[in-house]
Every structure is written in C-alpha cells, then in structure tokens.
C-alpha cells in the first residue's frame, strides 16, 4: 500500500477519504477526525478514538477492588497492585 491517495473537495468543503485509508484506520460513518497543519504546511488527518476504541484498549486492563476503611487504611495483602502503586507510584 502506498502512503498517498487522492481525495476530492466538494463545493461544501467536504473531502472524500480514499477507501484504502478508511479501511486501514477503520474509519466509519460518524467517526471524528482531527485536522492538524504542521510546520511544513502539511495537513495531517488523524482518527479520534471512539468509545469502542477505548473499550477495546481497556478490555484486558487488570482491575482490583480496594476496600478503604473510615481511617483511610487498606489491607495491602488484599490489594497488592494498589499498594505497589501507592508506594512506588
């Protein structure tokens, strides 16, 4: 696949994105795109992550229930990952 493609600008300023890029970036109807003009006067287009993208990103992220008592204490043996984060950052 080449890194260039041709899009057409309509009278309303809308641009068609070549199919190969829509497929590669999984761009679908309703997705949000960011347009950035870099220092070389080049327009860079990036896909904004959707809720589904974020859900996929965190799907396998470990979770840990931490019970904190009224004094702000927790059992470090019951919450080892939280304790490590509290101690080591």
Protein backbone atom coordinates (compact mmCIF):
# COMPACT_ATOMS: atom_id res chain seq x y z
CA UNK A 1 0.00 0.00 0.00
CA UNK A 2 1.26 3.44 -0.85
CA UNK A 3 1.18 6.34 1.61
CA UNK A 4 -0.59 8.73 -0.74
CA UNK A 5 -4.09 8.96 -2.12
CA UNK A 6 -6.33 11.47 -3.82
CA UNK A 7 -9.47 12.89 -2.22
CA UNK A 8 -11.93 15.28 -3.81
CA UNK A 9 -13.13 18.50 -2.17
CA UNK A 10 -16.82 19.27 -2.74
CA UNK A 11 -18.42 22.73 -3.02
CA UNK A 12 -19.28 22.46 0.71
CA UNK A 13 -15.62 21.81 1.62
CA UNK A 14 -16.20 18.12 2.32
CA UNK A 15 -13.41 15.71 1.42
CA UNK A 16 -13.69 12.09 0.37
CA UNK A 17 -11.09 9.91 2.10
CA UNK A 18 -9.66 7.19 -0.16
CA UNK A 19 -11.05 3.75 0.71
CA UNK A 20 -7.63 2.24 1.44
CA UNK A 21 -7.12 4.75 4.27
CA UNK A 22 -10.65 4.36 5.62
CA UNK A 23 -10.08 0.61 5.75
CA UNK A 24 -6.61 0.81 7.29
CA UNK A 25 -7.75 3.26 10.01
CA UNK A 26 -11.18 1.64 10.41
CA UNK A 27 -12.88 4.97 9.68
CA UNK A 28 -16.65 4.63 9.52
CA UNK A 29 -19.64 6.94 9.15
CA UNK A 30 -19.88 9.27 12.15
CA UNK A 31 -16.24 8.90 13.26
CA UNK A 32 -14.47 12.09 14.33
CA UNK A 33 -11.23 13.20 12.65
CA UNK A 34 -8.64 15.72 13.78
CA UNK A 35 -7.00 18.03 11.23
CA UNK A 36 -3.57 19.46 12.08
CA UNK A 37 -1.49 21.84 9.99
CA UNK A 38 2.18 21.12 10.72
CA UNK A 39 5.16 23.48 10.39
CA UNK A 40 5.71 22.33 6.79
CA UNK A 41 2.16 23.48 5.87
CA UNK A 42 1.08 19.84 5.51
CA UNK A 43 -2.39 18.81 6.62
CA UNK A 44 -2.30 15.77 8.90
CA UNK A 45 -5.55 13.88 9.49
CA UNK A 46 -5.95 11.56 12.49
CA UNK A 47 -8.87 9.47 13.66
CA UNK A 48 -10.16 10.34 17.12
CA UNK A 49 -10.62 7.29 19.33
CA UNK A 50 -14.25 6.24 19.68
CA UNK A 51 -15.86 4.81 22.81
CA UNK A 52 -15.40 1.35 21.30
CA UNK A 53 -11.68 2.05 20.74
CA UNK A 54 -11.33 3.00 24.43
CA UNK A 55 -13.34 -0.05 25.50
CA UNK A 56 -11.04 -2.29 23.46
CA UNK A 57 -7.96 -0.58 24.90
CA UNK A 58 -9.05 -1.25 28.48
CA UNK A 59 -10.69 -4.66 27.91
CA UNK A 60 -7.76 -6.58 29.39
CA UNK A 61 -6.64 -3.94 31.85
CA UNK A 62 -6.44 -5.51 35.30
CA UNK A 63 -8.76 -4.24 37.98
CA UNK A 64 -8.51 -4.60 41.70
CA UNK A 65 -11.12 -3.92 44.37
CA UNK A 66 -9.67 -1.86 47.21
CA UNK A 67 -11.56 -1.62 50.48
CA UNK A 68 -10.53 1.52 52.33
CA UNK A 69 -11.84 1.90 55.88
CA UNK A 70 -13.03 5.06 57.61
CA UNK A 71 -9.44 5.80 58.68
CA UNK A 72 -8.13 5.64 55.11
CA UNK A 73 -6.43 2.27 55.68
CA UNK A 74 -6.49 -0.74 53.39
CA UNK A 75 -5.16 -4.31 53.58
CA UNK A 76 -2.06 -4.34 51.36
CA UNK A 77 -2.24 -8.15 51.07
CA UNK A 78 -5.79 -7.95 49.69
CA UNK A 79 -4.80 -5.14 47.27
CA UNK A 80 -1.16 -5.75 46.26
CA UNK A 81 -1.30 -3.82 42.98
CA UNK A 82 -2.89 -0.79 44.64
CA UNK A 83 -0.31 -0.96 47.43
CA UNK A 84 2.55 -1.09 44.90
CA UNK A 85 1.08 1.93 43.11
CA UNK A 86 0.71 3.83 46.40
CA UNK A 87 4.30 3.07 47.41
CA UNK A 88 6.10 3.27 44.06
CA UNK A 89 3.81 5.49 42.02
